């Protein structure tokens, strides 16, 4: 049983995993991420599943990390780790780095390498940490109102932990996205090759299902080999090593702000980045209070 994830079998050969925390715009806390991982595990184990769809309920796909979560350490100990990085209670940067290696880079990399084809269906806002949910998927179908945003620079951090930006959109657009925090439209994302298809919002579910249905007709061994071949090509270009370097820089930024402000992020950027990420006339969740400092 999951509180934040729905698991569906819309038709033969297809599993659909649905983020179901719409009151927070599907913000990711520890519980949601581990429940999502278990849903991916289930779809990977079930022989009748050939294609996995990742979708989300509500107006927005994901508003990113849930900045209101507290008691992170206690929350994480409720779940079985998926990586060897289990030292999150150690003091200082060592503990923080271990937690993020497990919960962010570890899970995203794991989902990228699922031996079945995965398709993300993205609507509304997909902000920062939300990118680490759709980017590991093999294909992305976006609604015409979808917007992809990265607001971590305002927080004093050079991008989210799973740093796929240059691989998803090229170096110059990645720099622009990071440095300005401006949203990337669904159509712009399609032209950059980050998104496969853009469809009207009302057709997102059906269009994603139709694409999954076509792929589910292919031999599973062949689809697995396609995924290994294409992912292996990107890895041979140095993707994994480059992302490890970016992750180390991410941890350096946390340590910098702990020394400067006593917090792992720039406190002056918290309110601005949250407000900027959700600007549709309604706020899917209440912005956290500005930290002292």
C-alpha atoms as a PDB file:
ATOM      1  CA  UNK A   1       0.000   0.000   0.000  1.00  0.00           C
ATOM      2  CA  UNK A   2       1.230   3.484  -0.876  1.00  0.00           C
ATOM      3  CA  UNK A   3       0.060   6.852   0.365  1.00  0.00           C
ATOM      4  CA  UNK A   4       1.513   8.895  -2.486  1.00  0.00           C
ATOM      5  CA  UNK A   5       1.736   6.498  -5.444  1.00  0.00           C
ATOM      6  CA  UNK A   6      -0.938   4.748  -7.513  1.00  0.00           C
ATOM      7  CA  UNK A   7      -0.141   1.604  -9.498  1.00  0.00           C
ATOM      8  CA  UNK A   8      -2.370   0.800 -12.451  1.00  0.00           C
ATOM      9  CA  UNK A   9      -2.594  -1.666 -15.344  1.00  0.00           C
ATOM     10  CA  UNK A  10      -4.507   0.339 -17.969  1.00  0.00           C
ATOM     11  CA  UNK A  11      -4.176  -2.456 -20.529  1.00  0.00           C
ATOM     12  CA  UNK A  12      -2.148  -5.547 -21.359  1.00  0.00           C
ATOM     13  CA  UNK A  13       1.607  -5.074 -21.255  1.00  0.00           C
ATOM     14  CA  UNK A  14       1.509  -1.598 -19.688  1.00  0.00           C
ATOM     15  CA  UNK A  15       1.899  -0.421 -16.096  1.00  0.00           C
ATOM     16  CA  UNK A  16       1.169   3.152 -15.088  1.00  0.00           C
ATOM     17  CA  UNK A  17       2.740   4.640 -11.971  1.00  0.00           C
ATOM     18  CA  UNK A  18       1.020   7.833 -10.827  1.00  0.00           C
ATOM     19  CA  UNK A  19       2.390  10.442  -8.447  1.00  0.00           C
ATOM     20  CA  UNK A  20      -0.597  11.122  -6.202  1.00  0.00           C
ATOM     21  CA  UNK A  21       0.251  14.039  -3.983  1.00  0.00           C
ATOM     22  CA  UNK A  22      -1.530  16.813  -5.918  1.00  0.00           C
ATOM     23  CA  UNK A  23      -2.109  19.016  -2.857  1.00  0.00           C
ATOM     24  CA  UNK A  24       1.662  19.665  -2.839  1.00  0.00           C
ATOM     25  CA  UNK A  25       2.039  19.673  -6.636  1.00  0.00           C
ATOM     26  CA  UNK A  26       3.622  16.230  -6.146  1.00  0.00           C
ATOM     27  CA  UNK A  27       6.501  17.591  -4.085  1.00  0.00           C
ATOM     28  CA  UNK A  28       9.030  14.861  -3.301  1.00  0.00           C
ATOM     29  CA  UNK A  29       9.656  13.948   0.283  1.00  0.00           C
ATOM     30  CA  UNK A  30      11.443  10.816   1.458  1.00  0.00           C
ATOM     31  CA  UNK A  31       8.255   8.777   1.588  1.00  0.00           C
ATOM     32  CA  UNK A  32       7.166   9.626  -1.962  1.00  0.00           C
ATOM     33  CA  UNK A  33      10.571   8.770  -3.422  1.00  0.00           C
ATOM     34  CA  UNK A  34      10.812   5.376  -1.740  1.00  0.00           C
ATOM     35  CA  UNK A  35       7.213   4.534  -2.624  1.00  0.00           C
ATOM     36  CA  UNK A  36       7.963   5.506  -6.220  1.00  0.00           C
ATOM     37  CA  UNK A  37      11.031   3.280  -6.191  1.00  0.00           C
ATOM     38  CA  UNK A  38       8.989   0.352  -4.915  1.00  0.00           C
ATOM     39  CA  UNK A  39       6.451   0.908  -7.706  1.00  0.00           C
ATOM     40  CA  UNK A  40       9.262   0.814 -10.283  1.00  0.00           C
ATOM     41  CA  UNK A  41      10.528  -2.375  -8.618  1.00  0.00           C
ATOM     42  CA  UNK A  42       7.081  -3.943  -8.914  1.00  0.00           C
ATOM     43  CA  UNK A  43       6.742  -3.026 -12.597  1.00  0.00           C
ATOM     44  CA  UNK A  44      10.238  -4.368 -13.275  1.00  0.00           C
ATOM     45  CA  UNK A  45       9.447  -7.703 -11.583  1.00  0.00           C
ATOM     46  CA  UNK A  46       6.110  -8.342 -13.287  1.00  0.00           C
ATOM     47  CA  UNK A  47       6.689 -10.356 -16.465  1.00  0.00           C
ATOM     48  CA  UNK A  48       3.514  -9.153 -18.139  1.00  0.00           C
ATOM     49  CA  UNK A  49       4.688  -5.521 -17.992  1.00  0.00           C
ATOM     50  CA  UNK A  50       6.551  -4.412 -21.106  1.00  0.00           C
ATOM     51  CA  UNK A  51       6.304  -0.620 -20.817  1.00  0.00           C
ATOM     52  CA  UNK A  52       6.091   1.603 -17.729  1.00  0.00           C
ATOM     53  CA  UNK A  53       4.377   5.002 -17.763  1.00  0.00           C
ATOM     54  CA  UNK A  54       5.188   7.584 -15.086  1.00  0.00           C
ATOM     55  CA  UNK A  55       2.352  10.091 -14.723  1.00  0.00           C
ATOM     56  CA  UNK A  56       1.111  12.528 -12.091  1.00  0.00           C
ATOM     57  CA  UNK A  57      -2.252  13.610 -10.736  1.00  0.00           C
ATOM     58  CA  UNK A  58      -3.160  17.255 -10.417  1.00  0.00           C
ATOM     59  CA  UNK A  59      -2.282  20.448 -12.225  1.00  0.00           C
ATOM     60  CA  UNK A  60       1.507  19.994 -12.051  1.00  0.00           C
ATOM     61  CA  UNK A  61       3.830  17.058 -12.631  1.00  0.00           C
ATOM     62  CA  UNK A  62       6.166  17.917  -9.738  1.00  0.00           C
ATOM     63  CA  UNK A  63       7.225  21.009  -7.819  1.00  0.00           C
ATOM     64  CA  UNK A  64      10.522  19.341  -6.879  1.00  0.00           C
ATOM     65  CA  UNK A  65      11.927  18.573  -3.442  1.00  0.00           C
ATOM     66  CA  UNK A  66       9.517  19.192  -0.573  1.00  0.00           C
ATOM     67  CA  UNK A  67      11.305  21.987   1.265  1.00  0.00           C
ATOM     68  CA  UNK A  68       8.954  21.635   4.233  1.00  0.00           C
ATOM     69  CA  UNK A  69      10.061  18.112   5.146  1.00  0.00           C
ATOM     70  CA  UNK A  70      11.654  17.774   8.568  1.00  0.00           C
ATOM     71  CA  UNK A  71      13.177  14.803  10.441  1.00  0.00           C
ATOM     72  CA  UNK A  72      14.884  13.636   7.249  1.00  0.00           C
ATOM     73  CA  UNK A  73      17.127  11.151   9.035  1.00  0.00           C
ATOM     74  CA  UNK A  74      14.314   9.440  10.908  1.00  0.00           C
ATOM     75  CA  UNK A  75      12.173   9.361   7.772  1.00  0.00           C
ATOM     76  CA  UNK A  76      14.910   7.701   5.738  1.00  0.00           C
ATOM     77  CA  UNK A  77      15.514   4.951   8.296  1.00  0.00           C
ATOM     78  CA  UNK A  78      11.978   3.667   7.714  1.00  0.00           C
ATOM     79  CA  UNK A  79      13.073   2.336   4.315  1.00  0.00           C
ATOM     80  CA  UNK A  80      15.591  -0.224   3.073  1.00  0.00           C
ATOM     81  CA  UNK A  81      18.479   1.527   1.265  1.00  0.00           C
ATOM     82  CA  UNK A  82      18.961   0.812  -2.446  1.00  0.00           C
ATOM     83  CA  UNK A  83      22.640   1.818  -2.507  1.00  0.00           C
ATOM     84  CA  UNK A  84      25.587   1.256  -0.144  1.00  0.00           C
ATOM     85  CA  UNK A  85      25.353   4.935   0.893  1.00  0.00           C
ATOM     86  CA  UNK A  86      23.748   4.506   4.311  1.00  0.00           C
ATOM     87  CA  UNK A  87      25.886   6.859   6.418  1.00  0.00           C
ATOM     88  CA  UNK A  88      23.365   9.709   6.540  1.00  0.00           C
ATOM     89  CA  UNK A  89      23.612  10.148  10.330  1.00  0.00           C
ATOM     90  CA  UNK A  90      27.317  10.951  10.243  1.00  0.00           C
ATOM     91  CA  UNK A  91      28.253  14.518  11.070  1.00  0.00           C
ATOM     92  CA  UNK A  92      28.816  17.312   8.584  1.00  0.00           C
ATOM     93  CA  UNK A  93      29.122  17.016   4.843  1.00  0.00           C
ATOM     94  CA  UNK A  94      29.689  13.261   5.048  1.00  0.00           C
ATOM     95  CA  UNK A  95      26.160  12.572   6.245  1.00  0.00           C
ATOM     96  CA  UNK A  96      24.484  14.976   3.835  1.00  0.00           C
ATOM     97  CA  UNK A  97      26.414  13.607   0.866  1.00  0.00           C
ATOM     98  CA  UNK A  98      25.547  10.022   1.802  1.00  0.00           C
ATOM     99  CA  UNK A  99      21.840  10.846   2.064  1.00  0.00           C
ATOM    100  CA  UNK A 100      21.788  12.552  -1.338  1.00  0.00           C
ATOM    101  CA  UNK A 101      23.799   9.742  -2.947  1.00  0.00           C
ATOM    102  CA  UNK A 102      21.124   7.332  -1.760  1.00  0.00           C
ATOM    103  CA  UNK A 103      17.930   9.330  -2.194  1.00  0.00           C
ATOM    104  CA  UNK A 104      18.628  11.403  -5.294  1.00  0.00           C
ATOM    105  CA  UNK A 105      21.478  10.274  -7.540  1.00  0.00           C
ATOM    106  CA  UNK A 106      21.070   6.656  -6.455  1.00  0.00           C
ATOM    107  CA  UNK A 107      17.356   6.441  -7.184  1.00  0.00           C
ATOM    108  CA  UNK A 108      17.460   8.449 -10.422  1.00  0.00           C
ATOM    109  CA  UNK A 109      20.321   6.374 -11.811  1.00  0.00           C
ATOM    110  CA  UNK A 110      18.512   3.200 -10.818  1.00  0.00           C
ATOM    111  CA  UNK A 111      15.333   4.259 -12.630  1.00  0.00           C
ATOM    112  CA  UNK A 112      17.330   5.206 -15.730  1.00  0.00           C
ATOM    113  CA  UNK A 113      18.656   1.662 -15.954  1.00  0.00           C
ATOM    114  CA  UNK A 114      15.404  -0.264 -15.518  1.00  0.00           C
ATOM    115  CA  UNK A 115      15.507  -2.955 -18.257  1.00  0.00           C
ATOM    116  CA  UNK A 116      12.027  -2.020 -19.471  1.00  0.00           C
ATOM    117  CA  UNK A 117      11.023   1.031 -21.491  1.00  0.00           C
ATOM    118  CA  UNK A 118       9.756   3.947 -19.407  1.00  0.00           C
ATOM    119  CA  UNK A 119       7.706   6.939 -20.571  1.00  0.00           C
ATOM    120  CA  UNK A 120       7.079  10.101 -18.543  1.00  0.00           C
ATOM    121  CA  UNK A 121       3.823  12.006 -19.088  1.00  0.00           C
ATOM    122  CA  UNK A 122       4.449  15.585 -17.956  1.00  0.00           C
ATOM    123  CA  UNK A 123       1.871  18.337 -17.449  1.00  0.00           C
ATOM    124  CA  UNK A 124       2.068  21.770 -15.854  1.00  0.00           C
ATOM    125  CA  UNK A 125       5.226  22.637 -13.942  1.00  0.00           C
ATOM    126  CA  UNK A 126       8.185  20.291 -13.636  1.00  0.00           C
ATOM    127  CA  UNK A 127      10.576  22.089 -11.301  1.00  0.00           C
ATOM    128  CA  UNK A 128      14.171  21.211 -10.329  1.00  0.00           C
ATOM    129  CA  UNK A 129      13.832  17.921  -8.427  1.00  0.00           C
ATOM    130  CA  UNK A 130      10.935  17.072 -10.741  1.00  0.00           C
ATOM    131  CA  UNK A 131      13.445  16.896 -13.576  1.00  0.00           C
ATOM    132  CA  UNK A 132      15.058  13.949 -11.789  1.00  0.00           C
ATOM    133  CA  UNK A 133      11.789  12.059 -12.178  1.00  0.00           C
ATOM    134  CA  UNK A 134      11.169  12.576 -15.902  1.00  0.00           C
ATOM    135  CA  UNK A 135      14.787  12.712 -17.160  1.00  0.00           C
ATOM    136  CA  UNK A 136      15.616   9.101 -16.169  1.00  0.00           C
ATOM    137  CA  UNK A 137      12.719   7.913 -18.358  1.00  0.00           C
ATOM    138  CA  UNK A 138      13.450   6.739 -21.901  1.00  0.00           C
ATOM    139  CA  UNK A 139      10.788   8.913 -23.517  1.00  0.00           C
ATOM    140  CA  UNK A 140       8.867  12.033 -22.494  1.00  0.00           C
ATOM    141  CA  UNK A 141       5.420  13.081 -23.691  1.00  0.00           C
ATOM    142  CA  UNK A 142       4.478  16.584 -22.541  1.00  0.00           C
ATOM    143  CA  UNK A 143       1.223  18.487 -22.547  1.00  0.00           C
ATOM    144  CA  UNK A 144       1.251  21.792 -24.380  1.00  0.00           C
ATOM    145  CA  UNK A 145       1.102  23.660 -21.059  1.00  0.00           C
ATOM    146  CA  UNK A 146       4.129  21.870 -19.582  1.00  0.00           C
ATOM    147  CA  UNK A 147       7.066  23.946 -18.367  1.00  0.00           C
ATOM    148  CA  UNK A 148      10.459  22.656 -17.267  1.00  0.00           C
ATOM    149  CA  UNK A 149      12.287  24.801 -14.708  1.00  0.00           C
ATOM    150  CA  UNK A 150      15.528  24.770 -12.719  1.00  0.00           C
ATOM    151  CA  UNK A 151      15.538  27.243  -9.823  1.00  0.00           C
ATOM    152  CA  UNK A 152      18.413  25.889  -7.722  1.00  0.00           C
ATOM    153  CA  UNK A 153      20.881  28.637  -8.643  1.00  0.00           C
ATOM    154  CA  UNK A 154      18.767  31.090  -6.628  1.00  0.00           C
ATOM    155  CA  UNK A 155      19.322  28.694  -3.730  1.00  0.00           C
ATOM    156  CA  UNK A 156      23.079  28.946  -4.237  1.00  0.00           C
ATOM    157  CA  UNK A 157      23.394  25.492  -5.827  1.00  0.00           C
ATOM    158  CA  UNK A 158      24.518  24.800  -9.410  1.00  0.00           C
ATOM    159  CA  UNK A 159      21.712  22.439 -10.389  1.00  0.00           C
ATOM    160  CA  UNK A 160      19.964  19.403  -8.955  1.00  0.00           C
ATOM    161  CA  UNK A 161      21.873  16.383  -7.728  1.00  0.00           C
ATOM    162  CA  UNK A 162      21.370  14.222 -10.840  1.00  0.00           C
ATOM    163  CA  UNK A 163      22.960  16.717 -13.238  1.00  0.00           C
ATOM    164  CA  UNK A 164      21.665  15.646 -16.658  1.00  0.00           C
ATOM    165  CA  UNK A 165      21.138  19.164 -18.016  1.00  0.00           C
ATOM    166  CA  UNK A 166      23.868  19.250 -20.746  1.00  0.00           C
ATOM    167  CA  UNK A 167      22.891  15.775 -21.936  1.00  0.00           C
ATOM    168  CA  UNK A 168      19.223  16.677 -22.160  1.00  0.00           C
ATOM    169  CA  UNK A 169      19.411  20.027 -23.982  1.00  0.00           C
ATOM    170  CA  UNK A 170      22.990  20.844 -24.957  1.00  0.00           C
ATOM    171  CA  UNK A 171      25.524  23.005 -23.179  1.00  0.00           C
ATOM    172  CA  UNK A 172      24.381  26.529 -24.008  1.00  0.00           C
ATOM    173  CA  UNK A 173      20.696  25.966 -23.333  1.00  0.00           C
ATOM    174  CA  UNK A 174      21.620  24.153 -20.128  1.00  0.00           C
ATOM    175  CA  UNK A 175      23.617  27.180 -18.987  1.00  0.00           C
ATOM    176  CA  UNK A 176      20.740  29.519 -19.855  1.00  0.00           C
ATOM    177  CA  UNK A 177      18.224  27.372 -17.999  1.00  0.00           C
ATOM    178  CA  UNK A 178      20.429  27.237 -14.918  1.00  0.00           C
ATOM    179  CA  UNK A 179      21.577  30.860 -14.899  1.00  0.00           C
ATOM    180  CA  UNK A 180      18.195  32.509 -15.505  1.00  0.00           C
ATOM    181  CA  UNK A 181      15.755  30.121 -13.863  1.00  0.00           C
ATOM    182  CA  UNK A 182      13.372  30.829 -16.741  1.00  0.00           C
ATOM    183  CA  UNK A 183      10.968  28.050 -17.767  1.00  0.00           C
ATOM    184  CA  UNK A 184      11.481  25.955 -20.863  1.00  0.00           C
ATOM    185  CA  UNK A 185       8.228  25.410 -22.744  1.00  0.00           C
ATOM    186  CA  UNK A 186       7.111  21.999 -23.910  1.00  0.00           C
ATOM    187  CA  UNK A 187       7.595  22.946 -27.554  1.00  0.00           C
ATOM    188  CA  UNK A 188      11.073  24.378 -26.932  1.00  0.00           C
ATOM    189  CA  UNK A 189      11.949  21.194 -25.065  1.00  0.00           C
ATOM    190  CA  UNK A 190      10.729  19.136 -28.031  1.00  0.00           C
ATOM    191  CA  UNK A 191      12.844  21.128 -30.481  1.00  0.00           C
ATOM    192  CA  UNK A 192      15.878  20.580 -28.256  1.00  0.00           C
ATOM    193  CA  UNK A 193      15.273  16.830 -28.214  1.00  0.00           C
ATOM    194  CA  UNK A 194      14.430  16.696 -24.504  1.00  0.00           C
ATOM    195  CA  UNK A 195      10.775  15.876 -25.172  1.00  0.00           C
ATOM    196  CA  UNK A 196       9.537  13.393 -27.777  1.00  0.00           C
ATOM    197  CA  UNK A 197       5.999  14.641 -28.316  1.00  0.00           C
ATOM    198  CA  UNK A 198       3.805  17.583 -27.302  1.00  0.00           C
ATOM    199  CA  UNK A 199       0.049  17.106 -27.168  1.00  0.00           C
ATOM    200  CA  UNK A 200      -2.962  19.060 -25.866  1.00  0.00           C
ATOM    201  CA  UNK A 201      -3.414  18.710 -22.126  1.00  0.00           C
ATOM    202  CA  UNK A 202      -6.687  16.827 -22.527  1.00  0.00           C
ATOM    203  CA  UNK A 203      -4.967  14.246 -24.758  1.00  0.00           C
ATOM    204  CA  UNK A 204      -1.886  13.597 -22.598  1.00  0.00           C
ATOM    205  CA  UNK A 205      -3.080  10.348 -21.036  1.00  0.00           C
ATOM    206  CA  UNK A 206      -4.360   8.857 -24.301  1.00  0.00           C
ATOM    207  CA  UNK A 207      -1.333   9.948 -26.328  1.00  0.00           C
ATOM    208  CA  UNK A 208       1.091   8.467 -23.794  1.00  0.00           C
ATOM    209  CA  UNK A 209      -0.879   5.247 -23.665  1.00  0.00           C
ATOM    210  CA  UNK A 210      -0.913   5.026 -27.490  1.00  0.00           C
ATOM    211  CA  UNK A 211       2.879   5.388 -27.601  1.00  0.00           C
ATOM    212  CA  UNK A 212       3.295   2.765 -24.866  1.00  0.00           C
ATOM    213  CA  UNK A 213       0.971   0.438 -26.769  1.00  0.00           C
ATOM    214  CA  UNK A 214       3.153   0.599 -29.898  1.00  0.00           C
ATOM    215  CA  UNK A 215       6.305  -0.155 -27.937  1.00  0.00           C
ATOM    216  CA  UNK A 216       4.637  -2.990 -26.023  1.00  0.00           C
ATOM    217  CA  UNK A 217       4.166  -4.817 -29.344  1.00  0.00           C
ATOM    218  CA  UNK A 218       7.930  -5.071 -29.857  1.00  0.00           C
ATOM    219  CA  UNK A 219       9.980  -8.061 -28.597  1.00  0.00           C
ATOM    220  CA  UNK A 220      11.126  -7.343 -25.041  1.00  0.00           C
ATOM    221  CA  UNK A 221      14.665  -8.562 -25.670  1.00  0.00           C
ATOM    222  CA  UNK A 222      15.000  -6.123 -28.568  1.00  0.00           C
ATOM    223  CA  UNK A 223      13.646  -3.160 -26.581  1.00  0.00           C
ATOM    224  CA  UNK A 224      16.031  -3.957 -23.740  1.00  0.00           C
ATOM    225  CA  UNK A 225      18.972  -4.089 -26.175  1.00  0.00           C
ATOM    226  CA  UNK A 226      17.937  -0.756 -27.734  1.00  0.00           C
ATOM    227  CA  UNK A 227      17.927   0.830 -24.292  1.00  0.00           C
ATOM    228  CA  UNK A 228      21.328  -0.644 -23.386  1.00  0.00           C
ATOM    229  CA  UNK A 229      22.836   0.409 -26.721  1.00  0.00           C
ATOM    230  CA  UNK A 230      21.626   4.010 -26.613  1.00  0.00           C
ATOM    231  CA  UNK A 231      22.370   4.504 -22.907  1.00  0.00           C
ATOM    232  CA  UNK A 232      25.770   2.888 -23.412  1.00  0.00           C
ATOM    233  CA  UNK A 233      26.566   5.364 -26.183  1.00  0.00           C
ATOM    234  CA  UNK A 234      25.860   8.290 -23.901  1.00  0.00           C
ATOM    235  CA  UNK A 235      27.821   6.710 -21.070  1.00  0.00           C
ATOM    236  CA  UNK A 236      30.793   6.193 -23.387  1.00  0.00           C
ATOM    237  CA  UNK A 237      30.773   9.957 -23.933  1.00  0.00           C
ATOM    238  CA  UNK A 238      31.486  10.423 -20.219  1.00  0.00           C
ATOM    239  CA  UNK A 239      28.008  11.098 -18.862  1.00  0.00           C
ATOM    240  CA  UNK A 240      28.429   9.248 -15.578  1.00  0.00           C
ATOM    241  CA  UNK A 241      31.848  10.736 -14.755  1.00  0.00           C
ATOM    242  CA  UNK A 242      30.600  14.241 -15.585  1.00  0.00           C
ATOM    243  CA  UNK A 243      27.549  13.789 -13.361  1.00  0.00           C
ATOM    244  CA  UNK A 244      29.713  12.556 -10.494  1.00  0.00           C
ATOM    245  CA  UNK A 245      31.814  15.706 -10.812  1.00  0.00           C
ATOM    246  CA  UNK A 246      28.689  17.897 -10.779  1.00  0.00           C
ATOM    247  CA  UNK A 247      27.394  16.034  -7.716  1.00  0.00           C
ATOM    248  CA  UNK A 248      30.663  16.749  -5.876  1.00  0.00           C
ATOM    249  CA  UNK A 249      30.282  20.444  -6.722  1.00  0.00           C
ATOM    250  CA  UNK A 250      26.696  20.268  -5.461  1.00  0.00           C
ATOM    251  CA  UNK A 251      27.996  19.034  -2.096  1.00  0.00           C
ATOM    252  CA  UNK A 252      30.632  21.776  -2.019  1.00  0.00           C
ATOM    253  CA  UNK A 253      27.862  24.351  -2.426  1.00  0.00           C
ATOM    254  CA  UNK A 254      25.954  22.850   0.518  1.00  0.00           C
ATOM    255  CA  UNK A 255      29.098  23.056   2.655  1.00  0.00           C
ATOM    256  CA  UNK A 256      29.687  26.652   1.573  1.00  0.00           C
ATOM    257  CA  UNK A 257      26.222  27.768   2.645  1.00  0.00           C
ATOM    258  CA  UNK A 258      26.444  25.866   5.917  1.00  0.00           C
ATOM    259  CA  UNK A 259      29.590  27.855   6.696  1.00  0.00           C
ATOM    260  CA  UNK A 260      28.223  31.183   5.478  1.00  0.00           C
ATOM    261  CA  UNK A 261      24.592  31.008   6.586  1.00  0.00           C
ATOM    262  CA  UNK A 262      24.236  27.964   8.824  1.00  0.00           C
ATOM    263  CA  UNK A 263      21.925  26.365   6.253  1.00  0.00           C
ATOM    264  CA  UNK A 264      22.689  24.060   3.297  1.00  0.00           C
ATOM    265  CA  UNK A 265      21.230  26.593   0.839  1.00  0.00           C
ATOM    266  CA  UNK A 266      21.151  30.352   0.355  1.00  0.00           C
ATOM    267  CA  UNK A 267      18.412  31.514   2.761  1.00  0.00           C
ATOM    268  CA  UNK A 268      17.709  34.647   0.718  1.00  0.00           C
ATOM    269  CA  UNK A 269      16.870  32.515  -2.306  1.00  0.00           C
ATOM    270  CA  UNK A 270      14.324  30.196  -0.712  1.00  0.00           C
ATOM    271  CA  UNK A 271      11.250  32.412  -0.958  1.00  0.00           C
ATOM    272  CA  UNK A 272      12.139  33.772  -4.389  1.00  0.00           C
ATOM    273  CA  UNK A 273      12.776  30.370  -5.944  1.00  0.00           C
ATOM    274  CA  UNK A 274       9.609  28.782  -4.565  1.00  0.00           C
ATOM    275  CA  UNK A 275       7.462  31.727  -5.608  1.00  0.00           C
ATOM    276  CA  UNK A 276       9.003  31.746  -9.072  1.00  0.00           C
ATOM    277  CA  UNK A 277       8.479  28.027  -9.592  1.00  0.00           C
ATOM    278  CA  UNK A 278       4.737  28.186  -8.905  1.00  0.00           C
ATOM    279  CA  UNK A 279       3.213  31.196 -10.628  1.00  0.00           C
ATOM    280  CA  UNK A 280      -0.110  30.198 -12.070  1.00  0.00           C
ATOM    281  CA  UNK A 281      -2.430  32.333  -9.975  1.00  0.00           C
ATOM    282  CA  UNK A 282      -2.859  29.524  -7.479  1.00  0.00           C
ATOM    283  CA  UNK A 283      -0.161  28.081  -5.255  1.00  0.00           C
ATOM    284  CA  UNK A 284      -0.320  24.265  -5.191  1.00  0.00           C
ATOM    285  CA  UNK A 285       1.318  24.297  -1.794  1.00  0.00           C
ATOM    286  CA  UNK A 286       2.175  26.892   0.790  1.00  0.00           C
ATOM    287  CA  UNK A 287       5.713  28.223   0.421  1.00  0.00           C
ATOM    288  CA  UNK A 288       7.928  27.529   3.440  1.00  0.00           C
ATOM    289  CA  UNK A 289       8.705  30.330   5.818  1.00  0.00           C
ATOM    290  CA  UNK A 290      11.925  32.152   5.026  1.00  0.00           C
ATOM    291  CA  UNK A 291      14.688  30.715   7.229  1.00  0.00           C
ATOM    292  CA  UNK A 292      16.350  32.970   9.734  1.00  0.00           C
ATOM    293  CA  UNK A 293      19.868  34.129   8.984  1.00  0.00           C
END
